[in-house]
Amino acid sequence: APAAPLQAAWRALPEEARHTFTHFHLRLSIHFADVPQDATPERGDFLP
């Protein structure tokens, strides 16, 4: 289910990140957004 950390114009990248853990394979779709300077995320922090 969508779980974006803040409101933004998210766009999905064409490729997904794939990784294998001990008990499962993982496929991550990647959503990208440019956000304004005053963006306030619900989760995480902006790192310079």
All heavy atoms as atom14 arrays in JSON, in Angstrom:
{
  "sequence": "APAAPLQAAWRALPEEARHTFTHFHLRLSIHFADVPQDATPERGDFLP",
  "atom14_mask": [
    [1, 1, 1, 1, 1, 0, 0, 0, 0, 0, 0, 0, 0, 0],
    [1, 1, 1, 1, 1, 1, 1, 0, 0, 0, 0, 0, 0, 0],
    [1, 1, 1, 1, 1, 0, 0, 0, 0, 0, 0, 0, 0, 0],
    [1, 1, 1, 1, 1, 0, 0, 0, 0, 0, 0, 0, 0, 0],
    [1, 1, 1, 1, 1, 1, 1, 0, 0, 0, 0, 0, 0, 0],
    [1, 1, 1, 1, 1, 1, 1, 1, 0, 0, 0, 0, 0, 0],
    [1, 1, 1, 1, 1, 1, 1, 1, 1, 0, 0, 0, 0, 0],
    [1, 1, 1, 1, 1, 0, 0, 0, 0, 0, 0, 0, 0, 0],
    [1, 1, 1, 1, 1, 0, 0, 0, 0, 0, 0, 0, 0, 0],
    [1, 1, 1, 1, 1, 1, 1, 1, 1, 1, 1, 1, 1, 1],
    [1, 1, 1, 1, 1, 1, 1, 1, 1, 1, 1, 0, 0, 0],
    [1, 1, 1, 1, 1, 0, 0, 0, 0, 0, 0, 0, 0, 0],
    [1, 1, 1, 1, 1, 1, 1, 1, 0, 0, 0, 0, 0, 0],
    [1, 1, 1, 1, 1, 1, 1, 0, 0, 0, 0, 0, 0, 0],
    [1, 1, 1, 1, 1, 1, 1, 1, 1, 0, 0, 0, 0, 0],
    [1, 1, 1, 1, 1, 1, 1, 1, 1, 0, 0, 0, 0, 0],
    [1, 1, 1, 1, 1, 0, 0, 0, 0, 0, 0, 0, 0, 0],
    [1, 1, 1, 1, 1, 1, 1, 1, 1, 1, 1, 0, 0, 0],
    [1, 1, 1, 1, 1, 1, 1, 1, 1, 1, 0, 0, 0, 0],
    [1, 1, 1, 1, 1, 1, 1, 0, 0, 0, 0, 0, 0, 0],
    [1, 1, 1, 1, 1, 1, 1, 1, 1, 1, 1, 0, 0, 0],
    [1, 1, 1, 1, 1, 1, 1, 0, 0, 0, 0, 0, 0, 0],
    [1, 1, 1, 1, 1, 1, 1, 1, 1, 1, 0, 0, 0, 0],
    [1, 1, 1, 1, 1, 1, 1, 1, 1, 1, 1, 0, 0, 0],
    [1, 1, 1, 1, 1, 1, 1, 1, 1, 1, 0, 0, 0, 0],
    [1, 1, 1, 1, 1, 1, 1, 1, 0, 0, 0, 0, 0, 0],
    [1, 1, 1, 1, 1, 1, 1, 1, 1, 1, 1, 0, 0, 0],
    [1, 1, 1, 1, 1, 1, 1, 1, 0, 0, 0, 0, 0, 0],
    [1, 1, 1, 1, 1, 1, 0, 0, 0, 0, 0, 0, 0, 0],
    [1, 1, 1, 1, 1, 1, 1, 1, 0, 0, 0, 0, 0, 0],
    [1, 1, 1, 1, 1, 1, 1, 1, 1, 1, 0, 0, 0, 0],
    [1, 1, 1, 1, 1, 1, 1, 1, 1, 1, 1, 0, 0, 0],
    [1, 1, 1, 1, 1, 0, 0, 0, 0, 0, 0, 0, 0, 0],
    [1, 1, 1, 1, 1, 1, 1, 1, 0, 0, 0, 0, 0, 0],
    [1, 1, 1, 1, 1, 1, 1, 0, 0, 0, 0, 0, 0, 0],
    [1, 1, 1, 1, 1, 1, 1, 0, 0, 0, 0, 0, 0, 0],
    [1, 1, 1, 1, 1, 1, 1, 1, 1, 0, 0, 0, 0, 0],
    [1, 1, 1, 1, 1, 1, 1, 1, 0, 0, 0, 0, 0, 0],
    [1, 1, 1, 1, 1, 0, 0, 0, 0, 0, 0, 0, 0, 0],
    [1, 1, 1, 1, 1, 1, 1, 0, 0, 0, 0, 0, 0, 0],
    [1, 1, 1, 1, 1, 1, 1, 0, 0, 0, 0, 0, 0, 0],
    [1, 1, 1, 1, 1, 1, 1, 1, 1, 0, 0, 0, 0, 0],
    [1, 1, 1, 1, 1, 1, 1, 1, 1, 1, 1, 0, 0, 0],
    [1, 1, 1, 1, 0, 0, 0, 0, 0, 0, 0, 0, 0, 0],
    [1, 1, 1, 1, 1, 1, 1, 1, 0, 0, 0, 0, 0, 0],
    [1, 1, 1, 1, 1, 1, 1, 1, 1, 1, 1, 0, 0, 0],
    [1, 1, 1, 1, 1, 1, 1, 1, 0, 0, 0, 0, 0, 0],
    [1, 1, 1, 1, 1, 1, 1, 0, 0, 0, 0, 0, 0, 0]
  ],
  "atom14_positions": [
    [[0.85, -1.19, 0.0], [0.0, 0.0, 0.0], [0.89, 1.24, 0.0], [1.98, 1.23, 0.57], [-0.89, -0.01, 1.24], [0.0, 0.0, 0.0], [0.0, 0.0, 0.0], [0.0, 0.0, 0.0], [0.0, 0.0, 0.0], [0.0, 0.0, 0.0], [0.0, 0.0, 0.0], [0.0, 0.0, 0.0], [0.0, 0.0, 0.0], [0.0, 0.0, 0.0]],
    [[0.48, 2.32, -0.65], [1.29, 3.55, -0.64], [1.58, 3.99, 0.79], [0.73, 3.88, 1.67], [0.4, 4.55, -1.38], [-0.48, 3.71, -2.25], [-0.76, 2.48, -1.44], [0.0, 0.0, 0.0], [0.0, 0.0, 0.0], [0.0, 0.0, 0.0], [0.0, 0.0, 0.0], [0.0, 0.0, 0.0], [0.0, 0.0, 0.0], [0.0, 0.0, 0.0]],
    [[2.8, 4.46, 1.01], [3.2, 4.89, 2.36], [4.15, 6.07, 2.25], [5.2, 6.09, 2.89], [3.84, 3.73, 3.11], [0.0, 0.0, 0.0], [0.0, 0.0, 0.0], [0.0, 0.0, 0.0], [0.0, 0.0, 0.0], [0.0, 0.0, 0.0], [0.0, 0.0, 0.0], [0.0, 0.0, 0.0], [0.0, 0.0, 0.0], [0.0, 0.0, 0.0]],
    [[3.82, 7.05, 1.43], [4.7, 8.19, 1.19], [4.94, 8.95, 2.5], [4.02, 9.14, 3.3], [4.1, 9.12, 0.16], [0.0, 0.0, 0.0], [0.0, 0.0, 0.0], [0.0, 0.0, 0.0], [0.0, 0.0, 0.0], [0.0, 0.0, 0.0], [0.0, 0.0, 0.0], [0.0, 0.0, 0.0], [0.0, 0.0, 0.0], [0.0, 0.0, 0.0]],
    [[6.18, 9.37, 2.74], [6.5, 10.07, 3.99], [6.06, 11.52, 4.02], [6.11, 12.16, 5.07], [8.03, 9.95, 4.07], [8.45, 9.89, 2.63], [7.38, 9.12, 1.92], [0.0, 0.0, 0.0], [0.0, 0.0, 0.0], [0.0, 0.0, 0.0], [0.0, 0.0, 0.0], [0.0, 0.0, 0.0], [0.0, 0.0, 0.0], [0.0, 0.0, 0.0]],
    [[5.65, 12.06, 2.88], [5.14, 13.43, 2.82], [4.37, 13.61, 1.52], [4.54, 12.83, 0.56], [6.25, 14.47, 2.94], [7.18, 14.74, 1.76], [8.03, 15.97, 2.03], [8.08, 13.57, 1.44], [0.0, 0.0, 0.0], [0.0, 0.0, 0.0], [0.0, 0.0, 0.0], [0.0, 0.0, 0.0], [0.0, 0.0, 0.0], [0.0, 0.0, 0.0]],
    [[3.53, 14.64, 1.45], [2.77, 14.92, 0.25], [3.7, 15.49, -0.82], [4.45, 16.43, -0.56], [1.65, 15.93, 0.55], [0.56, 15.38, 1.47], [-0.26, 14.31, 0.78], [-0.51, 14.37, -0.43], [-0.67, 13.29, 1.55], [0.0, 0.0, 0.0], [0.0, 0.0, 0.0], [0.0, 0.0, 0.0], [0.0, 0.0, 0.0], [0.0, 0.0, 0.0]],
    [[3.68, 14.9, -2.01], [4.55, 15.36, -3.09], [4.07, 14.75, -4.41], [3.23, 13.84, -4.43], [6.0, 14.97, -2.83], [0.0, 0.0, 0.0], [0.0, 0.0, 0.0], [0.0, 0.0, 0.0], [0.0, 0.0, 0.0], [0.0, 0.0, 0.0], [0.0, 0.0, 0.0], [0.0, 0.0, 0.0], [0.0, 0.0, 0.0], [0.0, 0.0, 0.0]],
    [[4.62, 15.26, -5.5], [4.31, 14.72, -6.82], [5.25, 13.55, -7.1], [6.24, 13.67, -7.82], [4.45, 15.81, -7.88], [0.0, 0.0, 0.0], [0.0, 0.0, 0.0], [0.0, 0.0, 0.0], [0.0, 0.0, 0.0], [0.0, 0.0, 0.0], [0.0, 0.0, 0.0], [0.0, 0.0, 0.0], [0.0, 0.0, 0.0], [0.0, 0.0, 0.0]],
    [[4.95, 12.41, -6.51], [5.82, 11.24, -6.63], [5.69, 10.63, -8.02], [4.6, 10.54, -8.58], [5.43, 10.19, -5.59], [5.66, 10.63, -4.17], [4.72, 11.1, -3.3], [6.91, 10.66, -3.48], [5.3, 11.42, -2.1], [6.65, 11.15, -2.17], [8.22, 10.31, -3.83], [7.64, 11.31, -1.22], [9.21, 10.46, -2.87], [8.93, 10.96, -1.59]],
    [[6.81, 10.21, -8.56], [6.79, 9.49, -9.83], [7.64, 8.22, -9.69], [8.72, 8.24, -9.1], [7.29, 10.36, -10.98], [8.7, 10.89, -10.85], [9.01, 11.83, -12.03], [10.4, 12.26, -12.09], [10.88, 13.29, -11.44], [10.08, 14.0, -10.63], [12.15, 13.63, -11.56], [0.0, 0.0, 0.0], [0.0, 0.0, 0.0], [0.0, 0.0, 0.0]],
    [[7.14, 7.16, -10.25], [7.82, 5.87, -10.15], [8.93, 5.79, -11.18], [8.73, 6.15, -12.35], [6.83, 4.73, -10.35], [0.0, 0.0, 0.0], [0.0, 0.0, 0.0], [0.0, 0.0, 0.0], [0.0, 0.0, 0.0], [0.0, 0.0, 0.0], [0.0, 0.0, 0.0], [0.0, 0.0, 0.0], [0.0, 0.0, 0.0], [0.0, 0.0, 0.0]],
    [[10.1, 5.33, -10.77], [11.2, 5.1, -11.7], [10.97, 3.79, -12.44], [10.3, 2.88, -11.95], [12.52, 5.07, -10.94], [12.89, 6.32, -10.13], [14.31, 6.21, -9.59], [12.74, 7.59, -10.96], [0.0, 0.0, 0.0], [0.0, 0.0, 0.0], [0.0, 0.0, 0.0], [0.0, 0.0, 0.0], [0.0, 0.0, 0.0], [0.0, 0.0, 0.0]],
    [[11.54, 3.67, -13.64], [11.24, 2.48, -14.46], [11.83, 1.18, -13.93], [11.33, 0.11, -14.26], [11.84, 2.84, -15.83], [12.87, 3.89, -15.54], [12.34, 4.66, -14.38], [0.0, 0.0, 0.0], [0.0, 0.0, 0.0], [0.0, 0.0, 0.0], [0.0, 0.0, 0.0], [0.0, 0.0, 0.0], [0.0, 0.0, 0.0], [0.0, 0.0, 0.0]],
    [[12.9, 1.25, -13.13], [13.53, 0.03, -12.64], [13.27, -0.15, -11.15], [13.08, 0.83, -10.42], [15.04, 0.06, -12.9], [15.42, 0.05, -14.37], [16.92, -0.03, -14.55], [17.48, -1.12, -14.4], [17.53, 1.02, -14.83], [0.0, 0.0, 0.0], [0.0, 0.0, 0.0], [0.0, 0.0, 0.0], [0.0, 0.0, 0.0], [0.0, 0.0, 0.0]],
    [[13.28, -1.4, -10.7], [13.11, -1.68, -9.28], [14.41, -2.22, -8.7], [15.22, -2.83, -9.41], [11.99, -2.69, -9.07], [12.23, -4.04, -9.71], [11.05, -4.98, -9.58], [9.95, -4.52, -9.19], [11.21, -6.18, -9.88], [0.0, 0.0, 0.0], [0.0, 0.0, 0.0], [0.0, 0.0, 0.0], [0.0, 0.0, 0.0], [0.0, 0.0, 0.0]],
    [[14.61, -1.99, -7.42], [15.78, -2.52, -6.73], [15.47, -3.94, -6.26], [14.44, -4.17, -5.64], [16.14, -1.63, -5.54], [0.0, 0.0, 0.0], [0.0, 0.0, 0.0], [0.0, 0.0, 0.0], [0.0, 0.0, 0.0], [0.0, 0.0, 0.0], [0.0, 0.0, 0.0], [0.0, 0.0, 0.0], [0.0, 0.0, 0.0], [0.0, 0.0, 0.0]],
    [[16.38, -4.86, -6.56], [16.17, -6.26, -6.18], [17.3, -6.7, -5.25], [18.46, -6.42, -5.5], [16.13, -7.16, -7.42], [14.97, -6.81, -8.35], [14.81, -7.84, -9.44], [13.65, -7.57, -10.27], [13.13, -8.42, -11.14], [13.7, -9.63, -11.3], [12.05, -8.1, -11.84], [0.0, 0.0, 0.0], [0.0, 0.0, 0.0], [0.0, 0.0, 0.0]],
    [[16.91, -7.41, -4.21], [17.89, -7.87, -3.23], [17.4, -9.17, -2.61], [16.19, -9.38, -2.48], [18.09, -6.81, -2.13], [19.22, -7.1, -1.2], [20.55, -6.99, -1.58], [19.24, -7.49, 0.1], [21.32, -7.29, -0.56], [20.56, -7.61, 0.47], [0.0, 0.0, 0.0], [0.0, 0.0, 0.0], [0.0, 0.0, 0.0], [0.0, 0.0, 0.0]],
    [[18.33, -10.04, -2.25], [17.97, -11.31, -1.64], [18.44, -11.35, -0.19], [19.62, -11.14, 0.09], [18.59, -12.49, -2.42], [18.01, -12.51, -3.73], [18.32, -13.81, -1.72], [0.0, 0.0, 0.0], [0.0, 0.0, 0.0], [0.0, 0.0, 0.0], [0.0, 0.0, 0.0], [0.0, 0.0, 0.0], [0.0, 0.0, 0.0], [0.0, 0.0, 0.0]],
    [[17.49, -11.6, 0.7], [17.79, -11.82, 2.1], [17.81, -13.33, 2.36], [17.57, -14.13, 1.46], [16.74, -11.13, 2.98], [16.82, -9.63, 2.96], [16.06, -8.89, 2.07], [17.67, -8.95, 3.82], [16.13, -7.5, 2.04], [17.75, -7.56, 3.81], [16.99, -6.84, 2.91], [0.0, 0.0, 0.0], [0.0, 0.0, 0.0], [0.0, 0.0, 0.0]],
    [[18.07, -13.71, 3.59], [18.19, -15.13, 3.92], [16.93, -15.91, 3.57], [17.0, -17.01, 3.02], [18.49, -15.31, 5.42], [19.66, -14.56, 5.76], [18.73, -16.77, 5.75], [0.0, 0.0, 0.0], [0.0, 0.0, 0.0], [0.0, 0.0, 0.0], [0.0, 0.0, 0.0], [0.0, 0.0, 0.0], [0.0, 0.0, 0.0], [0.0, 0.0, 0.0]],
    [[15.77, -15.33, 3.85], [14.53, -16.09, 3.71], [13.61, -15.6, 2.6], [12.54, -16.19, 2.39], [13.77, -16.07, 5.04], [14.55, -16.65, 6.18], [14.94, -17.97, 6.22], [15.03, -16.09, 7.32], [15.61, -18.21, 7.34], [15.69, -17.09, 8.02], [0.0, 0.0, 0.0], [0.0, 0.0, 0.0], [0.0, 0.0, 0.0], [0.0, 0.0, 0.0]],
    [[13.97, -14.55, 1.9], [13.08, -14.07, 0.83], [13.85, -13.18, -0.15], [14.92, -12.66, 0.15], [11.89, -13.3, 1.42], [12.26, -12.02, 2.14], [12.24, -10.8, 1.49], [12.62, -12.05, 3.48], [12.58, -9.63, 2.15], [12.95, -10.89, 4.16], [12.94, -9.67, 3.49], [0.0, 0.0, 0.0], [0.0, 0.0, 0.0], [0.0, 0.0, 0.0]],
    [[13.27, -13.05, -1.35], [13.74, -12.1, -2.34], [12.91, -10.82, -2.2], [11.7, -10.9, -1.95], [13.57, -12.64, -3.76], [14.28, -13.93, -4.01], [15.65, -14.03, -4.09], [13.8, -15.19, -4.21], [15.99, -15.29, -4.32], [14.9, -16.01, -4.39], [0.0, 0.0, 0.0], [0.0, 0.0, 0.0], [0.0, 0.0, 0.0], [0.0, 0.0, 0.0]],
    [[13.54, -9.67, -2.34], [12.83, -8.4, -2.2], [12.9, -7.61, -3.51], [13.96, -7.53, -4.13], [13.45, -7.57, -1.07], [12.85, -6.16, -0.86], [11.39, -6.26, -0.41], [13.67, -5.38, 0.16], [0.0, 0.0, 0.0], [0.0, 0.0, 0.0], [0.0, 0.0, 0.0], [0.0, 0.0, 0.0], [0.0, 0.0, 0.0], [0.0, 0.0, 0.0]],
    [[11.77, -7.04, -3.88], [11.7, -6.14, -5.03], [11.11, -4.82, -4.57], [9.95, -4.78, -4.11], [10.85, -6.75, -6.14], [11.45, -8.04, -6.72], [10.58, -8.63, -7.81], [11.19, -9.82, -8.39], [10.63, -10.56, -9.35], [9.43, -10.24, -9.82], [11.25, -11.64, -9.81], [0.0, 0.0, 0.0], [0.0, 0.0, 0.0], [0.0, 0.0, 0.0]],
    [[11.9, -3.77, -4.68], [11.46, -2.44, -4.24], [11.23, -1.54, -5.45], [12.15, -1.3, -6.23], [12.52, -1.8, -3.35], [12.69, -2.31, -1.91], [13.8, -1.54, -1.22], [11.38, -2.19, -1.14], [0.0, 0.0, 0.0], [0.0, 0.0, 0.0], [0.0, 0.0, 0.0], [0.0, 0.0, 0.0], [0.0, 0.0, 0.0], [0.0, 0.0, 0.0]],
    [[10.01, -1.06, -5.61], [9.78, -0.01, -6.6], [10.26, 1.3, -5.99], [10.19, 1.51, -4.78], [8.31, 0.06, -7.0], [7.51, 0.38, -5.88], [0.0, 0.0, 0.0], [0.0, 0.0, 0.0], [0.0, 0.0, 0.0], [0.0, 0.0, 0.0], [0.0, 0.0, 0.0], [0.0, 0.0, 0.0], [0.0, 0.0, 0.0], [0.0, 0.0, 0.0]],
    [[10.75, 2.2, -6.84], [11.37, 3.43, -6.36], [10.53, 4.62, -6.82], [10.29, 4.79, -8.03], [12.81, 3.57, -6.91], [13.64, 2.34, -6.52], [13.46, 4.84, -6.37], [14.97, 2.25, -7.25], [0.0, 0.0, 0.0], [0.0, 0.0, 0.0], [0.0, 0.0, 0.0], [0.0, 0.0, 0.0], [0.0, 0.0, 0.0], [0.0, 0.0, 0.0]],
    [[10.08, 5.41, -5.86], [9.31, 6.6, -6.16], [10.15, 7.81, -5.79], [10.74, 7.88, -4.7], [8.0, 6.6, -5.38], [7.04, 5.54, -5.83], [5.69, 5.6, -5.59], [7.24, 4.39, -6.53], [5.09, 4.54, -6.12], [6.02, 3.78, -6.67], [0.0, 0.0, 0.0], [0.0, 0.0, 0.0], [0.0, 0.0, 0.0], [0.0, 0.0, 0.0]],
    [[10.2, 8.78, -6.72], [11.05, 9.96, -6.53], [10.22, 11.22, -6.58], [9.22, 11.32, -7.31], [12.12, 10.02, -7.62], [12.94, 11.28, -7.59], [14.0, 11.4, -6.7], [12.64, 12.34, -8.42], [14.74, 12.57, -6.65], [13.37, 13.52, -8.37], [14.43, 13.63, -7.48], [0.0, 0.0, 0.0], [0.0, 0.0, 0.0], [0.0, 0.0, 0.0]],
    [[10.65, 12.24, -5.79], [9.98, 13.54, -5.83], [10.95, 14.64, -5.45], [11.79, 14.46, -4.55], [8.78, 13.56, -4.89], [0.0, 0.0, 0.0], [0.0, 0.0, 0.0], [0.0, 0.0, 0.0], [0.0, 0.0, 0.0], [0.0, 0.0, 0.0], [0.0, 0.0, 0.0], [0.0, 0.0, 0.0], [0.0, 0.0, 0.0], [0.0, 0.0, 0.0]],
    [[10.85, 15.78, -6.15], [11.5, 17.01, -5.71], [10.51, 17.75, -4.83], [9.32, 17.88, -5.18], [11.88, 17.88, -6.91], [13.18, 17.44, -7.55], [14.17, 17.27, -6.82], [13.2, 17.23, -8.78], [0.0, 0.0, 0.0], [0.0, 0.0, 0.0], [0.0, 0.0, 0.0], [0.0, 0.0, 0.0], [0.0, 0.0, 0.0], [0.0, 0.0, 0.0]],
    [[10.97, 18.23, -3.66], [10.05, 18.87, -2.71], [10.6, 20.24, -2.32], [11.81, 20.5, -2.41], [9.86, 17.98, -1.46], [9.24, 16.65, -1.84], [11.18, 17.77, -0.72], [0.0, 0.0, 0.0], [0.0, 0.0, 0.0], [0.0, 0.0, 0.0], [0.0, 0.0, 0.0], [0.0, 0.0, 0.0], [0.0, 0.0, 0.0], [0.0, 0.0, 0.0]],
    [[9.72, 21.15, -1.87], [10.17, 22.5, -1.52], [10.99, 22.53, -0.23], [11.01, 21.58, 0.54], [8.85, 23.26, -1.35], [7.85, 22.21, -1.0], [8.26, 20.99, -1.77], [0.0, 0.0, 0.0], [0.0, 0.0, 0.0], [0.0, 0.0, 0.0], [0.0, 0.0, 0.0], [0.0, 0.0, 0.0], [0.0, 0.0, 0.0], [0.0, 0.0, 0.0]],
    [[11.63, 23.66, -0.01], [12.52, 23.81, 1.13], [11.77, 23.67, 2.45], [12.34, 23.21, 3.45], [13.21, 25.18, 1.06], [14.33, 25.38, 2.06], [15.54, 24.5, 1.76], [15.72, 24.06, 0.63], [16.36, 24.25, 2.76], [0.0, 0.0, 0.0], [0.0, 0.0, 0.0], [0.0, 0.0, 0.0], [0.0, 0.0, 0.0], [0.0, 0.0, 0.0]],
    [[10.5, 24.02, 2.46], [9.75, 23.97, 3.74], [8.98, 22.66, 3.9], [8.1, 22.58, 4.76], [8.8, 25.16, 3.83], [7.78, 25.19, 2.7], [7.87, 24.33, 1.78], [6.87, 26.06, 2.73], [0.0, 0.0, 0.0], [0.0, 0.0, 0.0], [0.0, 0.0, 0.0], [0.0, 0.0, 0.0], [0.0, 0.0, 0.0], [0.0, 0.0, 0.0]],
    [[9.31, 21.65, 3.1], [8.61, 20.37, 3.2], [8.81, 19.77, 4.6], [9.92, 19.78, 5.14], [9.13, 19.4, 2.14], [0.0, 0.0, 0.0], [0.0, 0.0, 0.0], [0.0, 0.0, 0.0], [0.0, 0.0, 0.0], [0.0, 0.0, 0.0], [0.0, 0.0, 0.0], [0.0, 0.0, 0.0], [0.0, 0.0, 0.0], [0.0, 0.0, 0.0]],
    [[7.72, 19.26, 5.16], [7.77, 18.68, 6.5], [7.36, 17.21, 6.41], [6.17, 16.9, 6.27], [6.82, 19.43, 7.46], [7.17, 20.82, 7.47], [6.95, 18.86, 8.86], [0.0, 0.0, 0.0], [0.0, 0.0, 0.0], [0.0, 0.0, 0.0], [0.0, 0.0, 0.0], [0.0, 0.0, 0.0], [0.0, 0.0, 0.0], [0.0, 0.0, 0.0]],
    [[8.3, 16.31, 6.5], [7.97, 14.89, 6.38], [7.32, 14.34, 7.65], [7.59, 14.82, 8.76], [9.32, 14.23, 6.13], [10.3, 15.12, 6.8], [9.76, 16.51, 6.65], [0.0, 0.0, 0.0], [0.0, 0.0, 0.0], [0.0, 0.0, 0.0], [0.0, 0.0, 0.0], [0.0, 0.0, 0.0], [0.0, 0.0, 0.0], [0.0, 0.0, 0.0]],
    [[6.47, 13.33, 7.48], [5.89, 12.63, 8.62], [6.88, 11.63, 9.2], [6.77, 11.25, 10.37], [4.6, 11.91, 8.2], [3.5, 12.85, 7.75], [2.27, 12.1, 7.3], [2.23, 10.85, 7.47], [1.34, 12.75, 6.79], [0.0, 0.0, 0.0], [0.0, 0.0, 0.0], [0.0, 0.0, 0.0], [0.0, 0.0, 0.0], [0.0, 0.0, 0.0]],
    [[7.81, 11.17, 8.37], [8.84, 10.24, 8.83], [10.17, 10.65, 8.24], [10.27, 11.12, 7.13], [8.54, 8.8, 8.35], [7.19, 8.27, 8.74], [7.11, 6.75, 8.58], [7.75, 6.22, 7.4], [7.15, 6.13, 6.21], [5.91, 6.58, 6.06], [7.78, 5.6, 5.19], [0.0, 0.0, 0.0], [0.0, 0.0, 0.0], [0.0, 0.0, 0.0]],
    [[11.23, 10.45, 9.02], [12.57, 10.72, 8.54], [12.98, 12.17, 8.67], [12.22, 13.03, 9.12], [0.0, 0.0, 0.0], [0.0, 0.0, 0.0], [0.0, 0.0, 0.0], [0.0, 0.0, 0.0], [0.0, 0.0, 0.0], [0.0, 0.0, 0.0], [0.0, 0.0, 0.0], [0.0, 0.0, 0.0], [0.0, 0.0, 0.0], [0.0, 0.0, 0.0]],
    [[14.21, 12.43, 8.29], [14.78, 13.78, 8.35], [15.58, 14.03, 7.07], [16.15, 13.1, 6.48], [15.71, 13.92, 9.56], [14.97, 13.72, 10.88], [14.19, 14.63, 11.25], [15.16, 12.67, 11.5], [0.0, 0.0, 0.0], [0.0, 0.0, 0.0], [0.0, 0.0, 0.0], [0.0, 0.0, 0.0], [0.0, 0.0, 0.0], [0.0, 0.0, 0.0]],
    [[15.67, 15.29, 6.7], [16.47, 15.65, 5.53], [17.94, 15.73, 5.93], [18.3, 16.36, 6.92], [16.01, 17.0, 4.95], [14.76, 16.87, 4.13], [13.51, 17.17, 4.68], [14.83, 16.43, 2.83], [12.36, 17.04, 3.91], [13.68, 16.31, 2.05], [12.45, 16.6, 2.61], [0.0, 0.0, 0.0], [0.0, 0.0, 0.0], [0.0, 0.0, 0.0]],
    [[18.77, 15.07, 5.16], [20.21, 15.04, 5.4], [20.89, 15.89, 4.34], [20.68, 15.67, 3.14], [20.74, 13.59, 5.31], [22.22, 13.37, 5.63], [22.47, 13.64, 7.11], [22.63, 11.95, 5.27], [0.0, 0.0, 0.0], [0.0, 0.0, 0.0], [0.0, 0.0, 0.0], [0.0, 0.0, 0.0], [0.0, 0.0, 0.0], [0.0, 0.0, 0.0]],
    [[21.68, 16.9, 4.75], [22.37, 17.73, 3.75], [23.18, 16.87, 2.79], [23.77, 15.86, 3.18], [23.27, 18.63, 4.59], [22.62, 18.67, 5.94], [21.99, 17.33, 6.12], [0.0, 0.0, 0.0], [0.0, 0.0, 0.0], [0.0, 0.0, 0.0], [0.0, 0.0, 0.0], [0.0, 0.0, 0.0], [0.0, 0.0, 0.0], [0.0, 0.0, 0.0]]
  ]
}
